[in-house]
PDB file of all heavy atoms in Angstrom:
ATOM      1  N   VAL A   1      18.747  74.673  -9.678  1.00  0.00           N
ATOM      2  CA  VAL A   1      19.293  73.310  -9.658  1.00  0.00           C
ATOM      3  C   VAL A   1      19.093  72.666  -8.290  1.00  0.00           C
ATOM      4  O   VAL A   1      18.624  71.511  -8.170  1.00  0.00           O
ATOM      5  CB  VAL A   1      20.780  73.331 -10.043  1.00  0.00           C
ATOM      6  CG1 VAL A   1      21.413  71.958  -9.813  1.00  0.00           C
ATOM      7  CG2 VAL A   1      20.958  73.751 -11.490  1.00  0.00           C
ATOM      8  N   PHE A   2      19.417  73.396  -7.227  1.00  0.00           N
ATOM      9  CA  PHE A   2      19.282  72.827  -5.885  1.00  0.00           C
ATOM     10  C   PHE A   2      17.826  72.617  -5.507  1.00  0.00           C
ATOM     11  O   PHE A   2      17.494  71.672  -4.781  1.00  0.00           O
ATOM     12  CB  PHE A   2      19.984  73.729  -4.860  1.00  0.00           C
ATOM     13  CG  PHE A   2      21.461  73.516  -4.784  1.00  0.00           C
ATOM     14  CD1 PHE A   2      22.340  74.419  -5.347  1.00  0.00           C
ATOM     15  CD2 PHE A   2      21.983  72.390  -4.156  1.00  0.00           C
ATOM     16  CE1 PHE A   2      23.698  74.215  -5.289  1.00  0.00           C
ATOM     17  CE2 PHE A   2      23.348  72.184  -4.082  1.00  0.00           C
ATOM     18  CZ  PHE A   2      24.210  73.104  -4.655  1.00  0.00           C
ATOM     19  N   THR A   3      16.947  73.479  -5.973  1.00  0.00           N
ATOM     20  CA  THR A   3      15.526  73.302  -5.679  1.00  0.00           C
ATOM     21  C   THR A   3      15.002  72.006  -6.285  1.00  0.00           C
ATOM     22  O   THR A   3      14.335  71.202  -5.613  1.00  0.00           O
ATOM     23  CB  THR A   3      14.724  74.497  -6.208  1.00  0.00           C
ATOM     24  OG1 THR A   3      15.186  75.695  -5.580  1.00  0.00           O
ATOM     25  CG2 THR A   3      13.248  74.319  -5.927  1.00  0.00           C
ATOM     26  N   TYR A   4      15.306  71.774  -7.559  1.00  0.00           N
ATOM     27  CA  TYR A   4      14.855  70.537  -8.202  1.00  0.00           C
ATOM     28  C   TYR A   4      15.506  69.318  -7.550  1.00  0.00           C
ATOM     29  O   TYR A   4      14.862  68.266  -7.406  1.00  0.00           O
ATOM     30  CB  TYR A   4      15.186  70.571  -9.692  1.00  0.00           C
ATOM     31  CG  TYR A   4      14.157  71.301 -10.521  1.00  0.00           C
ATOM     32  CD1 TYR A   4      14.413  72.569 -11.037  1.00  0.00           C
ATOM     33  CD2 TYR A   4      12.917  70.722 -10.797  1.00  0.00           C
ATOM     34  CE1 TYR A   4      13.466  73.237 -11.803  1.00  0.00           C
ATOM     35  CE2 TYR A   4      11.962  71.384 -11.557  1.00  0.00           C
ATOM     36  CZ  TYR A   4      12.247  72.641 -12.051  1.00  0.00           C
ATOM     37  OH  TYR A   4      11.302  73.300 -12.803  1.00  0.00           O
ATOM     38  N   PHE A   5      16.759  69.449  -7.169  1.00  0.00           N
ATOM     39  CA  PHE A   5      17.464  68.324  -6.551  1.00  0.00           C
ATOM     40  C   PHE A   5      16.825  67.957  -5.216  1.00  0.00           C
ATOM     41  O   PHE A   5      16.564  66.772  -4.940  1.00  0.00           O
ATOM     42  CB  PHE A   5      18.937  68.675  -6.353  1.00  0.00           C
ATOM     43  CG  PHE A   5      19.744  67.582  -5.716  1.00  0.00           C
ATOM     44  CD1 PHE A   5      20.219  66.530  -6.474  1.00  0.00           C
ATOM     45  CD2 PHE A   5      20.016  67.606  -4.353  1.00  0.00           C
ATOM     46  CE1 PHE A   5      20.963  65.515  -5.886  1.00  0.00           C
ATOM     47  CE2 PHE A   5      20.751  66.603  -3.761  1.00  0.00           C
ATOM     48  CZ  PHE A   5      21.224  65.551  -4.521  1.00  0.00           C
ATOM     49  N   MET A   6      16.558  68.926  -4.372  1.00  0.00           N
ATOM     50  CA  MET A   6      15.984  68.639  -3.060  1.00  0.00           C
ATOM     51  C   MET A   6      14.560  68.086  -3.183  1.00  0.00           C
ATOM     52  O   MET A   6      14.168  67.192  -2.417  1.00  0.00           O
ATOM     53  CB  MET A   6      15.995  69.903  -2.201  1.00  0.00           C
ATOM     54  CG  MET A   6      17.392  70.426  -1.882  1.00  0.00           C
ATOM     55  SD  MET A   6      18.393  69.273  -0.923  1.00  0.00           S
ATOM     56  CE  MET A   6      17.735  69.530   0.715  1.00  0.00           C
ATOM     57  N   VAL A   7      13.800  68.587  -4.132  1.00  0.00           N
ATOM     58  CA  VAL A   7      12.452  68.067  -4.337  1.00  0.00           C
ATOM     59  C   VAL A   7      12.513  66.617  -4.823  1.00  0.00           C
ATOM     60  O   VAL A   7      11.739  65.754  -4.357  1.00  0.00           O
ATOM     61  CB  VAL A   7      11.682  68.957  -5.331  1.00  0.00           C
ATOM     62  CG1 VAL A   7      10.380  68.290  -5.762  1.00  0.00           C
ATOM     63  CG2 VAL A   7      11.388  70.318  -4.721  1.00  0.00           C
ATOM     64  N   ALA A   8      13.420  66.320  -5.748  1.00  0.00           N
ATOM     65  CA  ALA A   8      13.544  64.952  -6.264  1.00  0.00           C
ATOM     66  C   ALA A   8      13.975  63.983  -5.165  1.00  0.00           C
ATOM     67  O   ALA A   8      13.443  62.860  -5.074  1.00  0.00           O
ATOM     68  CB  ALA A   8      14.538  64.922  -7.416  1.00  0.00           C
ATOM     69  N   ILE A   9      14.907  64.384  -4.308  1.00  0.00           N
ATOM     70  CA  ILE A   9      15.352  63.506  -3.228  1.00  0.00           C
ATOM     71  C   ILE A   9      14.228  63.276  -2.223  1.00  0.00           C
ATOM     72  O   ILE A   9      14.081  62.169  -1.677  1.00  0.00           O
ATOM     73  CB  ILE A   9      16.594  64.095  -2.541  1.00  0.00           C
ATOM     74  CG1 ILE A   9      17.768  64.113  -3.523  1.00  0.00           C
ATOM     75  CG2 ILE A   9      16.972  63.297  -1.312  1.00  0.00           C
ATOM     76  CD1 ILE A   9      18.153  62.748  -4.040  1.00  0.00           C
ATOM     77  N   ALA A  10      13.422  64.297  -1.968  1.00  0.00           N
ATOM     78  CA  ALA A  10      12.280  64.116  -1.067  1.00  0.00           C
ATOM     79  C   ALA A  10      11.295  63.087  -1.631  1.00  0.00           C
ATOM     80  O   ALA A  10      10.749  62.262  -0.885  1.00  0.00           O
ATOM     81  CB  ALA A  10      11.584  65.450  -0.831  1.00  0.00           C
ATOM     82  N   VAL A  11      11.079  63.124  -2.951  1.00  0.00           N
ATOM     83  CA  VAL A  11      10.189  62.142  -3.587  1.00  0.00           C
ATOM     84  C   VAL A  11      10.783  60.739  -3.463  1.00  0.00           C
ATOM     85  O   VAL A  11      10.060  59.762  -3.182  1.00  0.00           O
ATOM     86  CB  VAL A  11       9.949  62.512  -5.057  1.00  0.00           C
ATOM     87  CG1 VAL A  11       9.190  61.405  -5.780  1.00  0.00           C
ATOM     88  CG2 VAL A  11       9.190  63.834  -5.158  1.00  0.00           C
ATOM     89  N   VAL A  12      12.092  60.604  -3.637  1.00  0.00           N
ATOM     90  CA  VAL A  12      12.741  59.298  -3.495  1.00  0.00           C
ATOM     91  C   VAL A  12      12.580  58.770  -2.069  1.00  0.00           C
ATOM     92  O   VAL A  12      12.290  57.576  -1.854  1.00  0.00           O
ATOM     93  CB  VAL A  12      14.231  59.404  -3.874  1.00  0.00           C
ATOM     94  CG1 VAL A  12      14.972  58.113  -3.526  1.00  0.00           C
ATOM     95  CG2 VAL A  12      14.382  59.694  -5.358  1.00  0.00           C
ATOM     96  N   CYS A  13      12.723  59.638  -1.078  1.00  0.00           N
ATOM     97  CA  CYS A  13      12.565  59.214   0.316  1.00  0.00           C
ATOM     98  C   CYS A  13      11.134  58.763   0.597  1.00  0.00           C
ATOM     99  O   CYS A  13      10.916  57.793   1.334  1.00  0.00           O
ATOM    100  CB  CYS A  13      12.960  60.354   1.251  1.00  0.00           C
ATOM    101  SG  CYS A  13      14.732  60.716   1.277  1.00  0.00           S
ATOM    102  N   ILE A  14      10.170  59.453   0.013  1.00  0.00           N
ATOM    103  CA  ILE A  14       8.773  59.037   0.186  1.00  0.00           C
ATOM    104  C   ILE A  14       8.556  57.646  -0.397  1.00  0.00           C
ATOM    105  O   ILE A  14       7.906  56.785   0.219  1.00  0.00           O
ATOM    106  CB  ILE A  14       7.831  60.061  -0.471  1.00  0.00           C
ATOM    107  CG1 ILE A  14       7.889  61.391   0.278  1.00  0.00           C
ATOM    108  CG2 ILE A  14       6.399  59.542  -0.494  1.00  0.00           C
ATOM    109  CD1 ILE A  14       7.111  62.498  -0.394  1.00  0.00           C
ATOM    110  N   LEU A  15       9.087  57.399  -1.584  1.00  0.00           N
ATOM    111  CA  LEU A  15       8.927  56.087  -2.217  1.00  0.00           C
ATOM    112  C   LEU A  15       9.607  54.991  -1.400  1.00  0.00           C
ATOM    113  O   LEU A  15       9.071  53.875  -1.271  1.00  0.00           O
ATOM    114  CB  LEU A  15       9.500  56.127  -3.638  1.00  0.00           C
ATOM    115  CG  LEU A  15       8.762  57.029  -4.631  1.00  0.00           C
ATOM    116  CD1 LEU A  15       9.470  57.022  -5.980  1.00  0.00           C
ATOM    117  CD2 LEU A  15       7.307  56.593  -4.792  1.00  0.00           C
ATOM    118  N   LEU A  16      10.768  55.290  -0.820  1.00  0.00           N
ATOM    119  CA  LEU A  16      11.447  54.304   0.016  1.00  0.00           C
ATOM    120  C   LEU A  16      10.632  53.980   1.260  1.00  0.00           C
ATOM    121  O   LEU A  16      10.513  52.810   1.655  1.00  0.00           O
ATOM    122  CB  LEU A  16      12.837  54.818   0.411  1.00  0.00           C
ATOM    123  CG  LEU A  16      13.898  54.823  -0.686  1.00  0.00           C
ATOM    124  CD1 LEU A  16      15.168  55.505  -0.201  1.00  0.00           C
ATOM    125  CD2 LEU A  16      14.212  53.402  -1.141  1.00  0.00           C
ATOM    126  N   ASN A  17      10.067  54.998   1.883  1.00  0.00           N
ATOM    127  CA  ASN A  17       9.248  54.762   3.075  1.00  0.00           C
ATOM    128  C   ASN A  17       8.006  53.944   2.746  1.00  0.00           C
ATOM    129  O   ASN A  17       7.650  53.011   3.479  1.00  0.00           O
ATOM    130  CB  ASN A  17       8.842  56.100   3.698  1.00  0.00           C
ATOM    131  CG  ASN A  17       9.992  56.777   4.414  1.00  0.00           C
ATOM    132  OD1 ASN A  17      10.826  56.124   5.033  1.00  0.00           O
ATOM    133  ND2 ASN A  17      10.053  58.089   4.334  1.00  0.00           N
ATOM    134  N   LEU A  18       7.337  54.285   1.657  1.00  0.00           N
ATOM    135  CA  LEU A  18       6.132  53.537   1.282  1.00  0.00           C
ATOM    136  C   LEU A  18       6.479  52.103   0.884  1.00  0.00           C
ATOM    137  O   LEU A  18       5.714  51.168   1.170  1.00  0.00           O
ATOM    138  CB  LEU A  18       5.415  54.253   0.132  1.00  0.00           C
ATOM    139  CG  LEU A  18       4.832  55.633   0.465  1.00  0.00           C
ATOM    140  CD1 LEU A  18       4.154  56.225  -0.756  1.00  0.00           C
ATOM    141  CD2 LEU A  18       3.852  55.544   1.628  1.00  0.00           C
ATOM    142  N   SER A  19       7.627  51.916   0.230  1.00  0.00           N
ATOM    143  CA  SER A  19       8.051  50.553  -0.123  1.00  0.00           C
ATOM    144  C   SER A  19       8.320  49.724   1.122  1.00  0.00           C
ATOM    145  O   SER A  19       7.967  48.535   1.184  1.00  0.00           O
ATOM    146  CB  SER A  19       9.308  50.615  -0.998  1.00  0.00           C
ATOM    147  OG  SER A  19       9.062  51.309  -2.199  1.00  0.00           O
ATOM    148  N   GLU A  20       8.916  50.344   2.136  1.00  0.00           N
ATOM    149  CA  GLU A  20       9.179  49.603   3.369  1.00  0.00           C
ATOM    150  C   GLU A  20       7.881  49.286   4.111  1.00  0.00           C
ATOM    151  O   GLU A  20       7.750  48.212   4.704  1.00  0.00           O
ATOM    152  CB  GLU A  20      10.121  50.399   4.270  1.00  0.00           C
ATOM    153  CG  GLU A  20      10.606  49.604   5.462  1.00  0.00           C
ATOM    154  CD  GLU A  20      11.705  50.308   6.226  1.00  0.00           C
ATOM    155  OE1 GLU A  20      12.000  51.477   5.900  1.00  0.00           O
ATOM    156  OE2 GLU A  20      12.269  49.711   7.153  1.00  0.00           O
ATOM    157  N   VAL A  21       6.929  50.205   4.073  1.00  0.00           N
ATOM    158  CA  VAL A  21       5.620  49.925   4.678  1.00  0.00           C
ATOM    159  C   VAL A  21       4.971  48.719   3.996  1.00  0.00           C
ATOM    160  O   VAL A  21       4.453  47.807   4.664  1.00  0.00           O
ATOM    161  CB  VAL A  21       4.708  51.164   4.586  1.00  0.00           C
ATOM    162  CG1 VAL A  21       3.276  50.805   4.953  1.00  0.00           C
ATOM    163  CG2 VAL A  21       5.211  52.268   5.507  1.00  0.00           C
ATOM    164  N   ALA A  22       4.987  48.711   2.666  1.00  0.00           N
ATOM    165  CA  ALA A  22       4.413  47.583   1.935  1.00  0.00           C
ATOM    166  C   ALA A  22       5.157  46.286   2.245  1.00  0.00           C
ATOM    167  O   ALA A  22       4.534  45.220   2.383  1.00  0.00           O
ATOM    168  CB  ALA A  22       4.448  47.868   0.434  1.00  0.00           C
ATOM    169  N   TYR A  23       6.478  46.357   2.375  1.00  0.00           N
ATOM    170  CA  TYR A  23       7.272  45.168   2.693  1.00  0.00           C
ATOM    171  C   TYR A  23       6.924  44.626   4.077  1.00  0.00           C
ATOM    172  O   TYR A  23       6.720  43.411   4.251  1.00  0.00           O
ATOM    173  CB  TYR A  23       8.753  45.513   2.611  1.00  0.00           C
ATOM    174  CG  TYR A  23       9.668  44.463   3.193  1.00  0.00           C
ATOM    175  CD1 TYR A  23       9.930  43.289   2.502  1.00  0.00           C
ATOM    176  CD2 TYR A  23      10.255  44.641   4.444  1.00  0.00           C
ATOM    177  CE1 TYR A  23      10.757  42.312   3.038  1.00  0.00           C
ATOM    178  CE2 TYR A  23      11.078  43.683   4.985  1.00  0.00           C
ATOM    179  CZ  TYR A  23      11.333  42.521   4.290  1.00  0.00           C
ATOM    180  OH  TYR A  23      12.146  41.562   4.832  1.00  0.00           O
ATOM    181  N   LEU A  24       6.833  45.499   5.079  1.00  0.00           N
ATOM    182  CA  LEU A  24       6.530  45.051   6.437  1.00  0.00           C
ATOM    183  C   LEU A  24       5.129  44.461   6.534  1.00  0.00           C
ATOM    184  O   LEU A  24       4.928  43.409   7.150  1.00  0.00           O
ATOM    185  CB  LEU A  24       6.674  46.224   7.407  1.00  0.00           C
ATOM    186  CG  LEU A  24       8.093  46.720   7.686  1.00  0.00           C
ATOM    187  CD1 LEU A  24       8.059  47.938   8.593  1.00  0.00           C
ATOM    188  CD2 LEU A  24       8.937  45.622   8.313  1.00  0.00           C
ATOM    189  N   VAL A  25       4.152  45.137   5.927  1.00  0.00           N
ATOM    190  CA  VAL A  25       2.780  44.639   5.984  1.00  0.00           C
ATOM    191  C   VAL A  25       2.658  43.315   5.236  1.00  0.00           C
ATOM    192  O   VAL A  25       2.024  42.366   5.712  1.00  0.00           O
ATOM    193  CB  VAL A  25       1.808  45.686   5.412  1.00  0.00           C
ATOM    194  CG1 VAL A  25       0.398  45.123   5.313  1.00  0.00           C
ATOM    195  CG2 VAL A  25       1.805  46.939   6.278  1.00  0.00           C
ATOM    196  N   GLY A  26       3.288  43.222   4.055  1.00  0.00           N
ATOM    197  CA  GLY A  26       3.239  41.974   3.301  1.00  0.00           C
ATOM    198  C   GLY A  26       3.914  40.827   4.027  1.00  0.00           C
ATOM    199  O   GLY A  26       3.407  39.698   4.043  1.00  0.00           O
ATOM    200  N   LYS A  27       5.050  41.108   4.656  1.00  0.00           N
ATOM    201  CA  LYS A  27       5.752  40.057   5.398  1.00  0.00           C
ATOM    202  C   LYS A  27       4.941  39.601   6.595  1.00  0.00           C
ATOM    203  O   LYS A  27       4.880  38.401   6.901  1.00  0.00           O
ATOM    204  CB  LYS A  27       7.115  40.587   5.856  1.00  0.00           C
ATOM    205  CG  LYS A  27       7.973  39.556   6.563  1.00  0.00           C
ATOM    206  CD  LYS A  27       9.316  40.133   6.947  1.00  0.00           C
ATOM    207  CE  LYS A  27      10.172  39.100   7.667  1.00  0.00           C
ATOM    208  NZ  LYS A  27      11.481  39.671   8.086  1.00  0.00           N
ATOM    209  N   ARG A  28       4.298  40.559   7.270  1.00  0.00           N
ATOM    210  CA  ARG A  28       3.483  40.191   8.429  1.00  0.00           C
ATOM    211  C   ARG A  28       2.271  39.355   8.016  1.00  0.00           C
ATOM    212  O   ARG A  28       1.941  38.355   8.668  1.00  0.00           O
ATOM    213  CB  ARG A  28       3.024  41.468   9.141  1.00  0.00           C
ATOM    214  CG  ARG A  28       2.279  41.212  10.445  1.00  0.00           C
ATOM    215  CD  ARG A  28       3.152  40.469  11.429  1.00  0.00           C
ATOM    216  NE  ARG A  28       2.467  40.274  12.692  1.00  0.00           N
ATOM    217  CZ  ARG A  28       2.847  39.422  13.623  1.00  0.00           C
ATOM    218  NH1 ARG A  28       3.927  38.666  13.414  1.00  0.00           N
ATOM    219  NH2 ARG A  28       2.178  39.316  14.752  1.00  0.00           N
ATOM    220  N   CYS A  29       1.624  39.727   6.939  1.00  0.00           N
ATOM    221  CA  CYS A  29       0.490  38.941   6.436  1.00  0.00           C
ATOM    222  C   CYS A  29       0.924  37.542   6.030  1.00  0.00           C
ATOM    223  O   CYS A  29       0.207  36.562   6.260  1.00  0.00           O
ATOM    224  CB  CYS A  29      -0.165  39.659   5.259  1.00  0.00           C
ATOM    225  SG  CYS A  29      -0.988  41.213   5.695  1.00  0.00           S
ATOM    226  N   GLN A  30       2.106  37.442   5.433  1.00  0.00           N
ATOM    227  CA  GLN A  30       2.614  36.131   5.033  1.00  0.00           C
ATOM    228  C   GLN A  30       2.891  35.261   6.255  1.00  0.00           C
ATOM    229  O   GLN A  30       2.613  34.055   6.243  1.00  0.00           O
ATOM    230  CB  GLN A  30       3.882  36.306   4.204  1.00  0.00           C
ATOM    231  CG  GLN A  30       4.403  35.029   3.579  1.00  0.00           C
ATOM    232  CD  GLN A  30       5.633  35.272   2.727  1.00  0.00           C
ATOM    233  OE1 GLN A  30       6.243  36.338   2.787  1.00  0.00           O
ATOM    234  NE2 GLN A  30       6.000  34.297   1.941  1.00  0.00           N
ATOM    235  N   GLU A  31       3.430  35.860   7.325  1.00  0.00           N
ATOM    236  CA  GLU A  31       3.703  35.093   8.538  1.00  0.00           C
ATOM    237  C   GLU A  31       2.415  34.616   9.201  1.00  0.00           C
ATOM    238  O   GLU A  31       2.383  33.539   9.800  1.00  0.00           O
ATOM    239  CB  GLU A  31       4.506  35.952   9.521  1.00  0.00           C
ATOM    240  CG  GLU A  31       5.929  36.227   9.069  1.00  0.00           C
ATOM    241  CD  GLU A  31       6.650  37.172  10.014  1.00  0.00           C
ATOM    242  OE1 GLU A  31       5.973  37.687  10.944  1.00  0.00           O
ATOM    243  OE2 GLU A  31       7.853  37.405   9.825  1.00  0.00           O
TER     244      GLU A  31
END
């Protein structure tokens, strides 16, 4: 249970980081 939980949370953190990268780059291009 803990193995699957930690792996799933790591995937969520990766998606959050990539989403923020896309947000920053998109905002900068818009500016």
